[in-house]
């Protein structure tokens, strides 16, 4: 099956934003896991911006040498792998380094995809730039919502399991079987999800699996 060149670009933008959305939706948990305040979290996250600025400034010759296909393969998979490794880091310094490397790859990805879009537009005789960046926004939106809903459901199920475990084992009320940040962040996430879901049409809200736990 032959895939149109612009569809490949749409897919790359969608996958890149999906991995980014997975990180953004868990920033409160990342802050709690690293035991840092908001200012320190901001300094940690700025590593991605520094890496992207360096990459956008100096990596054009490298992208041209590697070619569009190889660059897309390395940058799309590389950014996803680096972001997936963030939860395993034990300090803010390590997270800064991981995000710096992710920013280097993200900048190269942006150079590669935007140049390819210009080339494809010249071949097609019509614009596809807006649609390509629209897929980036769509991937970010969908993945943030999916991660938030899944995490809220997981938190609710775990809290339900804790209640049953305490009843069976007669645990003391203050006994914790999960980290302190897990249940607190889950409760805050549920409140945010209520506000967001209330803005959706009634028919769509009732189709979401979170409805049963949050509004029943």
N, C-alpha and C. Protein backbone atom coordinates (compact mmCIF):
# COMPACT_ATOMS: atom_id res chain seq x y z
N UNK A 1 0.85 -1.20 0.00
CA UNK A 1 0.00 0.00 0.00
C UNK A 1 0.88 1.25 0.00
N UNK A 2 0.59 2.17 -0.89
CA UNK A 2 1.37 3.39 -0.99
C UNK A 2 0.75 4.48 -0.12
N UNK A 3 1.57 5.07 0.73
CA UNK A 3 1.13 6.15 1.61
C UNK A 3 1.58 7.48 1.02
N UNK A 4 0.66 8.41 0.91
CA UNK A 4 0.99 9.72 0.35
C UNK A 4 2.02 10.43 1.22
N UNK A 5 2.92 11.20 0.61
CA UNK A 5 3.98 11.88 1.40
C UNK A 5 3.43 12.78 2.49
N UNK A 6 2.34 13.51 2.21
CA UNK A 6 1.81 14.40 3.23
C UNK A 6 1.23 13.64 4.41
N UNK A 7 0.71 12.43 4.15
CA UNK A 7 0.16 11.62 5.24
C UNK A 7 1.27 11.18 6.19
N UNK A 8 2.43 10.91 5.65
CA UNK A 8 3.57 10.55 6.50
C UNK A 8 3.96 11.71 7.41
N UNK A 9 3.91 12.91 6.86
CA UNK A 9 4.22 14.09 7.67
C UNK A 9 3.17 14.26 8.76
N UNK A 10 1.89 14.10 8.41
CA UNK A 10 0.83 14.19 9.41
C UNK A 10 1.07 13.20 10.54
N UNK A 11 1.45 11.98 10.18
CA UNK A 11 1.67 10.93 11.19
C UNK A 11 2.83 11.29 12.11
N UNK A 12 3.91 11.80 11.55
CA UNK A 12 5.06 12.20 12.37
C UNK A 12 4.69 13.29 13.36
N UNK A 13 3.95 14.30 12.90
CA UNK A 13 3.52 15.36 13.80
C UNK A 13 2.61 14.81 14.89
N UNK A 14 1.70 13.91 14.52
CA UNK A 14 0.76 13.35 15.50
C UNK A 14 1.51 12.53 16.56
N UNK A 15 2.44 11.68 16.15
CA UNK A 15 3.17 10.84 17.10
C UNK A 15 4.06 11.67 18.02
N UNK A 16 4.69 12.70 17.45
CA UNK A 16 5.54 13.56 18.28
C UNK A 16 4.74 14.27 19.35
N UNK A 17 3.60 14.83 18.97
CA UNK A 17 2.78 15.54 19.95
C UNK A 17 2.14 14.59 20.96
N UNK A 18 1.88 13.34 20.55
CA UNK A 18 1.31 12.37 21.49
C UNK A 18 2.28 12.06 22.62
N UNK A 19 3.54 11.88 22.29
CA UNK A 19 4.53 11.62 23.35
C UNK A 19 4.72 12.84 24.24
N UNK A 20 4.67 14.03 23.65
CA UNK A 20 4.76 15.25 24.45
C UNK A 20 3.57 15.39 25.38
N UNK A 21 2.36 15.07 24.89
CA UNK A 21 1.17 15.15 25.72
C UNK A 21 1.21 14.20 26.89
N UNK A 22 1.83 13.03 26.71
CA UNK A 22 1.95 12.08 27.81
C UNK A 22 2.77 12.66 28.95
N UNK A 23 3.79 13.45 28.62
CA UNK A 23 4.60 14.09 29.66
C UNK A 23 3.85 15.25 30.31
N UNK A 24 3.22 16.08 29.51
CA UNK A 24 2.55 17.27 30.05
C UNK A 24 1.41 16.91 30.99
N UNK A 25 0.71 15.82 30.71
CA UNK A 25 -0.42 15.44 31.55
C UNK A 25 0.01 14.88 32.90
N UNK A 26 1.30 14.57 33.07
CA UNK A 26 1.77 14.01 34.33
C UNK A 26 2.77 14.92 35.04
N UNK A 27 2.80 16.20 34.71
CA UNK A 27 3.74 17.11 35.35
C UNK A 27 3.55 17.22 36.86
N UNK A 28 2.30 17.25 37.38
CA UNK A 28 2.16 17.28 38.85
C UNK A 28 2.80 16.07 39.52
N UNK A 29 2.66 14.89 38.94
CA UNK A 29 3.27 13.70 39.51
C UNK A 29 4.79 13.75 39.40
N UNK A 30 5.29 14.30 38.29
CA UNK A 30 6.74 14.45 38.13
C UNK A 30 7.30 15.37 39.20
N UNK A 31 6.59 16.46 39.49
CA UNK A 31 7.03 17.38 40.53
C UNK A 31 7.08 16.69 41.89
N UNK A 32 6.05 15.91 42.21
CA UNK A 32 6.02 15.21 43.49
C UNK A 32 7.11 14.14 43.56
N UNK A 33 7.33 13.43 42.47
CA UNK A 33 8.33 12.36 42.47
C UNK A 33 9.74 12.92 42.64
N UNK A 34 10.02 14.09 42.04
CA UNK A 34 11.34 14.71 42.15
C UNK A 34 11.51 15.51 43.43
N UNK A 35 10.40 15.76 44.14
CA UNK A 35 10.44 16.55 45.37
C UNK A 35 11.02 17.94 45.13
N UNK A 36 10.45 18.65 44.13
CA UNK A 36 10.91 20.00 43.80
C UNK A 36 9.71 20.94 43.84
N UNK A 37 10.00 22.24 44.01
CA UNK A 37 8.92 23.22 43.97
C UNK A 37 8.66 23.65 42.54
N UNK A 38 7.73 24.55 42.35
CA UNK A 38 7.34 24.96 40.99
C UNK A 38 8.48 25.63 40.24
N UNK A 39 9.26 26.45 40.95
CA UNK A 39 10.38 27.12 40.29
C UNK A 39 11.43 26.12 39.82
N UNK A 40 11.74 25.16 40.68
CA UNK A 40 12.72 24.14 40.32
C UNK A 40 12.20 23.25 39.20
N UNK A 41 10.90 22.97 39.20
CA UNK A 41 10.32 22.19 38.10
C UNK A 41 10.45 22.95 36.79
N UNK A 42 10.20 24.26 36.82
CA UNK A 42 10.35 25.06 35.61
C UNK A 42 11.77 25.06 35.08
N UNK A 43 12.76 25.16 35.99
CA UNK A 43 14.15 25.11 35.56
C UNK A 43 14.51 23.74 34.99
N UNK A 44 13.87 22.71 35.51
CA UNK A 44 14.11 21.36 34.98
C UNK A 44 13.56 21.22 33.57
N UNK A 45 12.35 21.72 33.37
CA UNK A 45 11.70 21.58 32.07
C UNK A 45 12.34 22.46 31.00
N UNK A 46 13.04 23.50 31.41
CA UNK A 46 13.64 24.40 30.42
C UNK A 46 14.76 23.72 29.64
N UNK A 47 15.19 22.55 30.11
CA UNK A 47 16.20 21.80 29.37
C UNK A 47 15.76 21.48 27.95
N UNK A 48 14.47 21.16 27.78
CA UNK A 48 13.96 20.86 26.44
C UNK A 48 14.03 22.09 25.54
N UNK A 49 13.72 23.26 26.09
CA UNK A 49 13.76 24.49 25.30
C UNK A 49 15.20 24.83 24.89
N UNK A 50 16.15 24.65 25.81
CA UNK A 50 17.56 24.93 25.48
C UNK A 50 18.04 24.00 24.37
N UNK A 51 17.71 22.72 24.50
CA UNK A 51 18.10 21.78 23.47
C UNK A 51 17.50 22.10 22.12
N UNK A 52 16.21 22.49 22.12
CA UNK A 52 15.54 22.82 20.86
C UNK A 52 16.16 24.05 20.21
N UNK A 53 16.51 25.07 21.00
CA UNK A 53 17.12 26.27 20.44
C UNK A 53 18.47 25.95 19.79
N UNK A 54 19.27 25.14 20.46
CA UNK A 54 20.57 24.76 19.89
C UNK A 54 20.37 23.97 18.60
N UNK A 55 19.43 23.02 18.64
CA UNK A 55 19.20 22.19 17.46
C UNK A 55 18.68 23.00 16.28
N UNK A 56 17.73 23.88 16.53
CA UNK A 56 17.17 24.69 15.45
C UNK A 56 18.22 25.63 14.84
N UNK A 57 19.22 26.00 15.64
CA UNK A 57 20.23 26.94 15.16
C UNK A 57 21.34 26.24 14.36
N UNK A 58 21.74 25.05 14.79
CA UNK A 58 22.96 24.45 14.24
C UNK A 58 22.76 23.12 13.51
N UNK A 59 21.58 22.50 13.58
CA UNK A 59 21.43 21.13 13.09
C UNK A 59 20.96 21.02 11.64
N UNK A 60 20.76 22.13 10.96
CA UNK A 60 20.28 22.05 9.57
C UNK A 60 21.23 21.26 8.66
N UNK A 61 22.56 21.49 8.73
CA UNK A 61 23.46 20.69 7.87
C UNK A 61 23.40 19.20 8.19
N UNK A 62 23.25 18.85 9.46
CA UNK A 62 23.18 17.44 9.84
C UNK A 62 21.90 16.79 9.30
N UNK A 63 20.78 17.52 9.38
CA UNK A 63 19.52 17.00 8.85
C UNK A 63 19.62 16.78 7.34
N UNK A 64 20.24 17.73 6.64
CA UNK A 64 20.40 17.59 5.19
C UNK A 64 21.29 16.40 4.85
N UNK A 65 22.31 16.15 5.67
CA UNK A 65 23.22 15.04 5.40
C UNK A 65 22.54 13.68 5.64
N UNK A 66 21.75 13.59 6.70
CA UNK A 66 21.09 12.32 7.02
C UNK A 66 19.94 12.00 6.06
N UNK A 67 19.24 13.02 5.59
CA UNK A 67 18.09 12.80 4.74
C UNK A 67 16.79 12.80 5.52
N UNK A 68 15.70 13.01 4.82
CA UNK A 68 14.40 13.17 5.47
C UNK A 68 13.94 11.88 6.16
N UNK A 69 14.06 10.75 5.49
CA UNK A 69 13.57 9.49 6.04
C UNK A 69 14.34 9.08 7.31
N UNK A 70 15.65 9.12 7.24
CA UNK A 70 16.46 8.72 8.39
C UNK A 70 16.26 9.67 9.56
N UNK A 71 16.21 10.98 9.27
CA UNK A 71 16.01 11.96 10.33
C UNK A 71 14.65 11.77 11.01
N UNK A 72 13.62 11.53 10.22
CA UNK A 72 12.29 11.31 10.80
C UNK A 72 12.27 10.07 11.68
N UNK A 73 12.91 9.01 11.22
CA UNK A 73 12.94 7.76 12.00
C UNK A 73 13.64 7.98 13.33
N UNK A 74 14.81 8.64 13.31
CA UNK A 74 15.58 8.85 14.54
C UNK A 74 14.86 9.80 15.50
N UNK A 75 14.35 10.90 14.98
CA UNK A 75 13.79 11.93 15.86
C UNK A 75 12.44 11.53 16.46
N UNK A 76 11.58 10.93 15.66
CA UNK A 76 10.26 10.55 16.19
C UNK A 76 10.39 9.47 17.26
N UNK A 77 11.16 8.42 16.96
CA UNK A 77 11.35 7.35 17.94
C UNK A 77 12.23 7.80 19.10
N UNK A 78 13.23 8.64 18.80
CA UNK A 78 14.12 9.10 19.86
C UNK A 78 13.43 9.96 20.88
N UNK A 79 12.62 10.92 20.44
CA UNK A 79 11.90 11.77 21.39
C UNK A 79 10.94 10.94 22.25
N UNK A 80 10.26 9.97 21.64
CA UNK A 80 9.33 9.13 22.41
C UNK A 80 10.07 8.31 23.46
N UNK A 81 11.22 7.74 23.08
CA UNK A 81 11.99 6.93 24.02
C UNK A 81 12.54 7.78 25.17
N UNK A 82 13.01 8.97 24.88
CA UNK A 82 13.55 9.83 25.94
C UNK A 82 12.45 10.28 26.89
N UNK A 83 11.30 10.67 26.37
CA UNK A 83 10.21 11.09 27.24
C UNK A 83 9.72 9.91 28.09
N UNK A 84 9.69 8.71 27.50
CA UNK A 84 9.26 7.54 28.26
C UNK A 84 10.24 7.20 29.39
N UNK A 85 11.49 7.62 29.27
CA UNK A 85 12.48 7.33 30.31
C UNK A 85 12.45 8.32 31.47
N UNK A 86 11.72 9.42 31.33
CA UNK A 86 11.69 10.45 32.38
C UNK A 86 11.21 9.90 33.73
N UNK A 87 10.13 9.09 33.79
CA UNK A 87 9.68 8.60 35.11
C UNK A 87 10.71 7.75 35.85
N UNK A 88 11.70 7.21 35.14
CA UNK A 88 12.71 6.37 35.78
C UNK A 88 13.87 7.18 36.34
N UNK A 89 13.91 8.48 36.06
CA UNK A 89 14.98 9.31 36.57
C UNK A 89 14.74 9.65 38.04
N UNK A 90 15.82 9.69 38.81
CA UNK A 90 15.70 9.86 40.26
C UNK A 90 16.02 11.27 40.75
N UNK A 91 16.42 12.15 39.85
CA UNK A 91 16.75 13.51 40.27
C UNK A 91 16.38 14.50 39.18
N UNK A 92 16.22 15.75 39.58
CA UNK A 92 15.87 16.80 38.62
C UNK A 92 17.00 17.02 37.61
N UNK A 93 18.24 16.82 38.04
CA UNK A 93 19.38 17.01 37.12
C UNK A 93 19.33 16.00 35.98
N UNK A 94 19.00 14.75 36.30
CA UNK A 94 18.90 13.73 35.27
C UNK A 94 17.74 14.03 34.31
N UNK A 95 16.62 14.48 34.85
CA UNK A 95 15.48 14.84 34.01
C UNK A 95 15.85 16.00 33.09
N UNK A 96 16.58 16.97 33.62
CA UNK A 96 17.04 18.09 32.80
C UNK A 96 17.88 17.59 31.63
N UNK A 97 18.79 16.66 31.91
CA UNK A 97 19.63 16.12 30.85
C UNK A 97 18.83 15.36 29.80
N UNK A 98 17.86 14.56 30.26
CA UNK A 98 17.02 13.81 29.32
C UNK A 98 16.21 14.77 28.45
N UNK A 99 15.64 15.80 29.06
CA UNK A 99 14.84 16.75 28.29
C UNK A 99 15.71 17.59 27.36
N UNK A 100 16.97 17.84 27.75
CA UNK A 100 17.88 18.55 26.85
C UNK A 100 18.12 17.73 25.59
N UNK A 101 18.37 16.43 25.75
CA UNK A 101 18.55 15.57 24.58
C UNK A 101 17.26 15.48 23.75
N UNK A 102 16.13 15.42 24.45
CA UNK A 102 14.85 15.39 23.73
C UNK A 102 14.64 16.67 22.94
N UNK A 103 15.07 17.80 23.50
CA UNK A 103 14.95 19.06 22.78
C UNK A 103 15.82 19.10 21.54
N UNK A 104 17.02 18.51 21.62
CA UNK A 104 17.89 18.44 20.43
C UNK A 104 17.21 17.66 19.31
N UNK A 105 16.60 16.51 19.66
CA UNK A 105 15.92 15.72 18.65
C UNK A 105 14.65 16.41 18.16
N UNK A 106 13.95 17.08 19.06
CA UNK A 106 12.71 17.77 18.66
C UNK A 106 13.01 18.91 17.68
N UNK A 107 14.10 19.63 17.92
CA UNK A 107 14.46 20.69 16.98
C UNK A 107 14.80 20.15 15.61
N UNK A 108 15.56 19.05 15.58
CA UNK A 108 15.87 18.42 14.29
C UNK A 108 14.61 17.91 13.61
N UNK A 109 13.69 17.39 14.40
CA UNK A 109 12.41 16.93 13.83
C UNK A 109 11.64 18.07 13.19
N UNK A 110 11.60 19.21 13.88
CA UNK A 110 10.89 20.38 13.34
C UNK A 110 11.52 20.86 12.04
N UNK A 111 12.85 20.92 12.00
CA UNK A 111 13.53 21.32 10.76
C UNK A 111 13.17 20.38 9.62
N UNK A 112 13.28 19.09 9.90
CA UNK A 112 13.04 18.09 8.87
C UNK A 112 11.61 18.14 8.35
N UNK A 113 10.66 18.15 9.25
CA UNK A 113 9.26 18.09 8.82
C UNK A 113 8.82 19.36 8.10
N UNK A 114 9.26 20.50 8.57
CA UNK A 114 8.85 21.74 7.92
C UNK A 114 9.47 21.89 6.53
N UNK A 115 10.72 21.46 6.39
CA UNK A 115 11.33 21.48 5.06
C UNK A 115 10.60 20.54 4.12
N UNK A 116 10.26 19.35 4.61
CA UNK A 116 9.54 18.39 3.79
C UNK A 116 8.15 18.90 3.42
N UNK A 117 7.51 19.61 4.33
CA UNK A 117 6.20 20.18 4.00
C UNK A 117 6.31 21.18 2.86
N UNK A 118 7.33 22.04 2.91
CA UNK A 118 7.53 23.00 1.83
C UNK A 118 7.75 22.28 0.49
N UNK A 119 8.53 21.21 0.51
CA UNK A 119 8.79 20.46 -0.72
C UNK A 119 7.51 19.81 -1.25
N UNK A 120 6.72 19.24 -0.35
CA UNK A 120 5.47 18.58 -0.75
C UNK A 120 4.46 19.59 -1.28
N UNK A 121 4.41 20.76 -0.65
CA UNK A 121 3.50 21.81 -1.13
C UNK A 121 3.88 22.23 -2.56
N UNK A 122 5.17 22.30 -2.83
CA UNK A 122 5.60 22.67 -4.19
C UNK A 122 5.20 21.59 -5.20
N UNK A 123 5.24 20.34 -4.80
CA UNK A 123 4.85 19.25 -5.69
C UNK A 123 3.35 19.20 -5.92
N UNK A 124 2.59 19.42 -4.83
CA UNK A 124 1.13 19.30 -4.93
C UNK A 124 0.49 20.54 -5.52
N UNK A 125 1.14 21.68 -5.36
CA UNK A 125 0.55 22.92 -5.82
C UNK A 125 -0.52 23.46 -4.90
N UNK A 126 -0.57 22.99 -3.68
CA UNK A 126 -1.53 23.46 -2.68
C UNK A 126 -0.88 23.38 -1.30
N UNK A 127 -1.46 24.10 -0.35
CA UNK A 127 -0.89 24.14 0.98
C UNK A 127 -1.33 22.99 1.87
N UNK A 128 -0.38 22.43 2.62
CA UNK A 128 -0.69 21.39 3.60
C UNK A 128 -0.08 21.71 4.96
N UNK A 129 0.55 22.88 5.06
CA UNK A 129 1.22 23.26 6.30
C UNK A 129 0.24 23.36 7.47
N UNK A 130 -0.90 24.01 7.26
CA UNK A 130 -1.87 24.18 8.34
C UNK A 130 -2.42 22.84 8.82
N UNK A 131 -2.69 21.95 7.88
CA UNK A 131 -3.23 20.65 8.27
C UNK A 131 -2.19 19.84 9.04
N UNK A 132 -0.92 19.93 8.62
CA UNK A 132 0.14 19.19 9.32
C UNK A 132 0.27 19.65 10.77
N UNK A 133 0.26 20.96 10.99
CA UNK A 133 0.34 21.46 12.36
C UNK A 133 -0.97 21.22 13.11
N UNK A 134 -2.06 21.12 12.38
CA UNK A 134 -3.32 20.75 13.01
C UNK A 134 -3.26 19.34 13.59
N UNK A 135 -2.57 18.43 12.91
CA UNK A 135 -2.40 17.08 13.45
C UNK A 135 -1.55 17.10 14.71
N UNK A 136 -0.59 18.02 14.80
CA UNK A 136 0.18 18.16 16.03
C UNK A 136 -0.74 18.55 17.19
N UNK A 137 -1.59 19.52 16.95
CA UNK A 137 -2.53 19.96 18.00
C UNK A 137 -3.51 18.85 18.35
N UNK A 138 -3.98 18.12 17.34
CA UNK A 138 -4.92 17.03 17.59
C UNK A 138 -4.28 15.93 18.43
N UNK A 139 -3.05 15.55 18.11
CA UNK A 139 -2.36 14.53 18.89
C UNK A 139 -2.16 14.94 20.33
N UNK A 140 -1.80 16.20 20.54
CA UNK A 140 -1.60 16.70 21.91
C UNK A 140 -2.91 16.68 22.69
N UNK A 141 -3.99 17.13 22.07
CA UNK A 141 -5.28 17.17 22.74
C UNK A 141 -5.77 15.76 23.09
N UNK A 142 -5.73 14.87 22.13
CA UNK A 142 -6.24 13.51 22.35
C UNK A 142 -5.43 12.79 23.42
N UNK A 143 -4.11 12.90 23.34
CA UNK A 143 -3.29 12.14 24.28
C UNK A 143 -3.40 12.70 25.69
N UNK A 144 -3.48 14.01 25.84
CA UNK A 144 -3.66 14.59 27.18
C UNK A 144 -4.97 14.13 27.79
N UNK A 145 -6.04 14.12 27.01
CA UNK A 145 -7.34 13.69 27.53
C UNK A 145 -7.32 12.20 27.87
N UNK A 146 -6.74 11.39 27.00
CA UNK A 146 -6.70 9.94 27.26
C UNK A 146 -5.88 9.65 28.51
N UNK A 147 -4.72 10.29 28.66
CA UNK A 147 -3.89 10.06 29.84
C UNK A 147 -4.60 10.51 31.11
N UNK A 148 -5.28 11.65 31.04
CA UNK A 148 -5.98 12.15 32.22
C UNK A 148 -7.12 11.20 32.63
N UNK A 149 -7.88 10.73 31.65
CA UNK A 149 -9.00 9.83 31.95
C UNK A 149 -8.48 8.49 32.49
N UNK A 150 -7.46 7.94 31.85
CA UNK A 150 -6.92 6.65 32.30
C UNK A 150 -6.34 6.76 33.70
N UNK A 151 -5.62 7.86 33.97
CA UNK A 151 -5.01 8.00 35.28
C UNK A 151 -6.07 8.21 36.35
N UNK A 152 -7.11 8.98 36.03
CA UNK A 152 -8.18 9.18 37.00
C UNK A 152 -8.88 7.86 37.31
N UNK A 153 -9.14 7.05 36.29
CA UNK A 153 -9.77 5.75 36.53
C UNK A 153 -8.87 4.85 37.34
N UNK A 154 -7.56 4.85 37.03
CA UNK A 154 -6.63 4.02 37.78
C UNK A 154 -6.59 4.44 39.24
N UNK A 155 -6.57 5.75 39.48
CA UNK A 155 -6.54 6.23 40.85
C UNK A 155 -7.80 5.83 41.60
N UNK A 156 -8.96 5.94 40.95
CA UNK A 156 -10.21 5.56 41.59
C UNK A 156 -10.25 4.07 41.90
N UNK A 157 -9.80 3.26 40.97
CA UNK A 157 -9.80 1.81 41.20
C UNK A 157 -8.84 1.44 42.32
N UNK A 158 -7.67 2.09 42.37
CA UNK A 158 -6.72 1.79 43.43
C UNK A 158 -7.25 2.22 44.79
N UNK A 159 -7.93 3.38 44.83
CA UNK A 159 -8.50 3.82 46.10
C UNK A 159 -9.60 2.87 46.55
N UNK A 160 -10.39 2.37 45.61
CA UNK A 160 -11.41 1.38 45.94
C UNK A 160 -10.77 0.10 46.46
N UNK A 161 -9.66 -0.32 45.83
CA UNK A 161 -8.95 -1.51 46.29
C UNK A 161 -8.39 -1.31 47.68
N UNK A 162 -7.89 -0.10 47.98
CA UNK A 162 -7.37 0.17 49.31
C UNK A 162 -8.46 0.08 50.38
N UNK A 163 -9.66 0.58 50.05
CA UNK A 163 -10.75 0.48 51.02
C UNK A 163 -11.10 -0.97 51.31
N UNK A 164 -11.16 -1.79 50.25
CA UNK A 164 -11.46 -3.20 50.46
C UNK A 164 -10.34 -3.90 51.23
N UNK A 165 -9.08 -3.52 50.94
CA UNK A 165 -7.96 -4.14 51.64
C UNK A 165 -7.97 -3.80 53.12
N UNK A 166 -8.30 -2.56 53.43
CA UNK A 166 -8.36 -2.16 54.84
C UNK A 166 -9.47 -2.90 55.58
N UNK A 167 -10.59 -3.09 54.88
CA UNK A 167 -11.68 -3.82 55.52
C UNK A 167 -11.32 -5.28 55.77
N UNK A 168 -10.64 -5.91 54.80
CA UNK A 168 -10.29 -7.32 54.94
C UNK A 168 -9.18 -7.52 55.96
N UNK A 169 -8.18 -6.66 55.90
CA UNK A 169 -7.02 -6.84 56.77
C UNK A 169 -7.13 -6.03 58.05
N UNK A 170 -8.20 -5.22 58.14
CA UNK A 170 -8.39 -4.38 59.31
C UNK A 170 -7.17 -3.47 59.52
N UNK A 171 -6.78 -2.84 58.40
CA UNK A 171 -5.66 -1.92 58.48
C UNK A 171 -6.07 -0.64 59.18
N UNK A 172 -5.13 0.03 59.78
CA UNK A 172 -5.42 1.31 60.41
C UNK A 172 -5.73 2.34 59.33
N UNK A 173 -6.57 3.32 59.61
CA UNK A 173 -6.94 4.31 58.58
C UNK A 173 -5.75 5.05 57.99
N UNK A 174 -4.67 5.23 58.76
CA UNK A 174 -3.54 6.00 58.27
C UNK A 174 -2.53 5.15 57.50
N UNK A 175 -2.77 3.86 57.39
CA UNK A 175 -1.85 2.99 56.67
C UNK A 175 -1.90 3.30 55.18
N UNK A 176 -0.73 3.43 54.55
CA UNK A 176 -0.66 3.74 53.12
C UNK A 176 -0.01 2.59 52.38
N UNK A 177 -0.69 2.08 51.35
CA UNK A 177 -0.12 1.05 50.50
C UNK A 177 0.37 1.62 49.18
N UNK A 178 0.11 2.90 48.93
CA UNK A 178 0.59 3.58 47.74
C UNK A 178 1.29 4.87 48.15
N UNK A 179 2.15 5.42 47.29
CA UNK A 179 2.81 6.68 47.63
C UNK A 179 1.81 7.79 47.92
N UNK A 180 2.20 8.71 48.77
CA UNK A 180 1.31 9.79 49.17
C UNK A 180 0.85 10.62 47.97
N UNK A 181 1.77 10.88 47.01
CA UNK A 181 1.43 11.75 45.89
C UNK A 181 0.42 11.12 44.96
N UNK A 182 0.27 9.76 44.98
CA UNK A 182 -0.59 9.09 44.00
C UNK A 182 -2.05 9.43 44.24
N UNK A 183 -2.53 9.25 45.48
CA UNK A 183 -3.94 9.49 45.75
C UNK A 183 -4.27 10.98 45.73
N UNK A 184 -3.33 11.82 46.19
CA UNK A 184 -3.59 13.26 46.18
C UNK A 184 -3.71 13.76 44.75
N UNK A 185 -2.77 13.36 43.90
CA UNK A 185 -2.81 13.80 42.51
C UNK A 185 -4.03 13.24 41.79
N UNK A 186 -4.42 12.02 42.16
CA UNK A 186 -5.60 11.43 41.55
C UNK A 186 -6.85 12.22 41.87
N UNK A 187 -6.98 12.67 43.15
CA UNK A 187 -8.15 13.45 43.52
C UNK A 187 -8.19 14.79 42.80
N UNK A 188 -7.01 15.44 42.69
CA UNK A 188 -6.96 16.71 41.96
C UNK A 188 -7.27 16.50 40.49
N UNK A 189 -6.80 15.39 39.92
CA UNK A 189 -7.06 15.10 38.52
C UNK A 189 -8.54 14.91 38.27
N UNK A 190 -9.23 14.24 39.21
CA UNK A 190 -10.67 14.00 39.05
C UNK A 190 -11.43 15.32 39.04
N UNK A 191 -11.05 16.26 39.92
CA UNK A 191 -11.71 17.56 39.94
C UNK A 191 -11.52 18.29 38.61
N UNK A 192 -10.29 18.23 38.07
CA UNK A 192 -10.03 18.88 36.79
C UNK A 192 -10.83 18.22 35.67
N UNK A 193 -10.94 16.89 35.72
CA UNK A 193 -11.70 16.18 34.70
C UNK A 193 -13.17 16.54 34.76
N UNK A 194 -13.72 16.75 35.96
CA UNK A 194 -15.13 17.13 36.08
C UNK A 194 -15.39 18.46 35.37
N UNK A 195 -14.50 19.43 35.59
CA UNK A 195 -14.67 20.73 34.95
C UNK A 195 -14.59 20.60 33.44
N UNK A 196 -13.62 19.81 32.95
CA UNK A 196 -13.43 19.67 31.51
C UNK A 196 -14.58 18.91 30.87
N UNK A 197 -15.03 17.83 31.51
CA UNK A 197 -16.08 17.01 30.92
C UNK A 197 -17.44 17.71 30.96
N UNK A 198 -17.66 18.58 31.96
CA UNK A 198 -18.92 19.31 32.02
C UNK A 198 -19.08 20.27 30.84
N UNK A 199 -17.97 20.63 30.20
CA UNK A 199 -18.03 21.52 29.04
C UNK A 199 -18.41 20.77 27.77
N UNK A 200 -18.40 19.43 27.80
CA UNK A 200 -18.74 18.64 26.62
C UNK A 200 -20.25 18.44 26.53
N UNK A 201 -20.78 18.13 25.33
CA UNK A 201 -22.21 17.82 25.20
C UNK A 201 -22.60 16.63 26.08
N UNK A 202 -23.85 16.62 26.52
CA UNK A 202 -24.33 15.59 27.44
C UNK A 202 -24.17 14.20 26.84
N UNK A 203 -24.53 14.03 25.57
CA UNK A 203 -24.44 12.72 24.92
C UNK A 203 -23.01 12.19 24.90
N UNK A 204 -22.05 13.09 24.66
CA UNK A 204 -20.66 12.67 24.62
C UNK A 204 -20.14 12.36 26.02
N UNK A 205 -20.58 13.12 27.02
CA UNK A 205 -20.14 12.87 28.38
C UNK A 205 -20.55 11.48 28.85
N UNK A 206 -21.76 11.06 28.50
CA UNK A 206 -22.24 9.77 28.98
C UNK A 206 -21.56 8.60 28.28
N UNK A 207 -20.89 8.86 27.16
CA UNK A 207 -20.17 7.79 26.47
C UNK A 207 -18.82 7.51 27.11
N UNK A 208 -18.32 8.45 27.93
CA UNK A 208 -16.99 8.29 28.52
C UNK A 208 -17.05 7.34 29.70
N UNK A 209 -16.08 6.44 29.84
CA UNK A 209 -16.10 5.47 30.94
C UNK A 209 -15.95 6.11 32.30
N UNK A 210 -15.35 7.31 32.38
CA UNK A 210 -15.17 7.97 33.66
C UNK A 210 -16.50 8.42 34.26
N UNK A 211 -17.52 8.57 33.42
CA UNK A 211 -18.81 9.07 33.88
C UNK A 211 -19.36 8.21 35.01
N UNK A 212 -19.25 6.90 34.89
CA UNK A 212 -19.82 6.00 35.86
C UNK A 212 -19.23 6.20 37.25
N UNK A 213 -17.95 6.49 37.32
CA UNK A 213 -17.28 6.63 38.60
C UNK A 213 -17.42 8.03 39.19
N UNK A 214 -17.49 9.02 38.32
CA UNK A 214 -17.44 10.41 38.81
C UNK A 214 -18.82 10.99 39.09
N UNK A 215 -19.82 10.60 38.28
CA UNK A 215 -21.13 11.21 38.44
C UNK A 215 -22.21 10.24 38.90
N UNK A 216 -21.90 8.93 38.96
CA UNK A 216 -22.93 7.96 39.33
C UNK A 216 -23.37 8.17 40.77
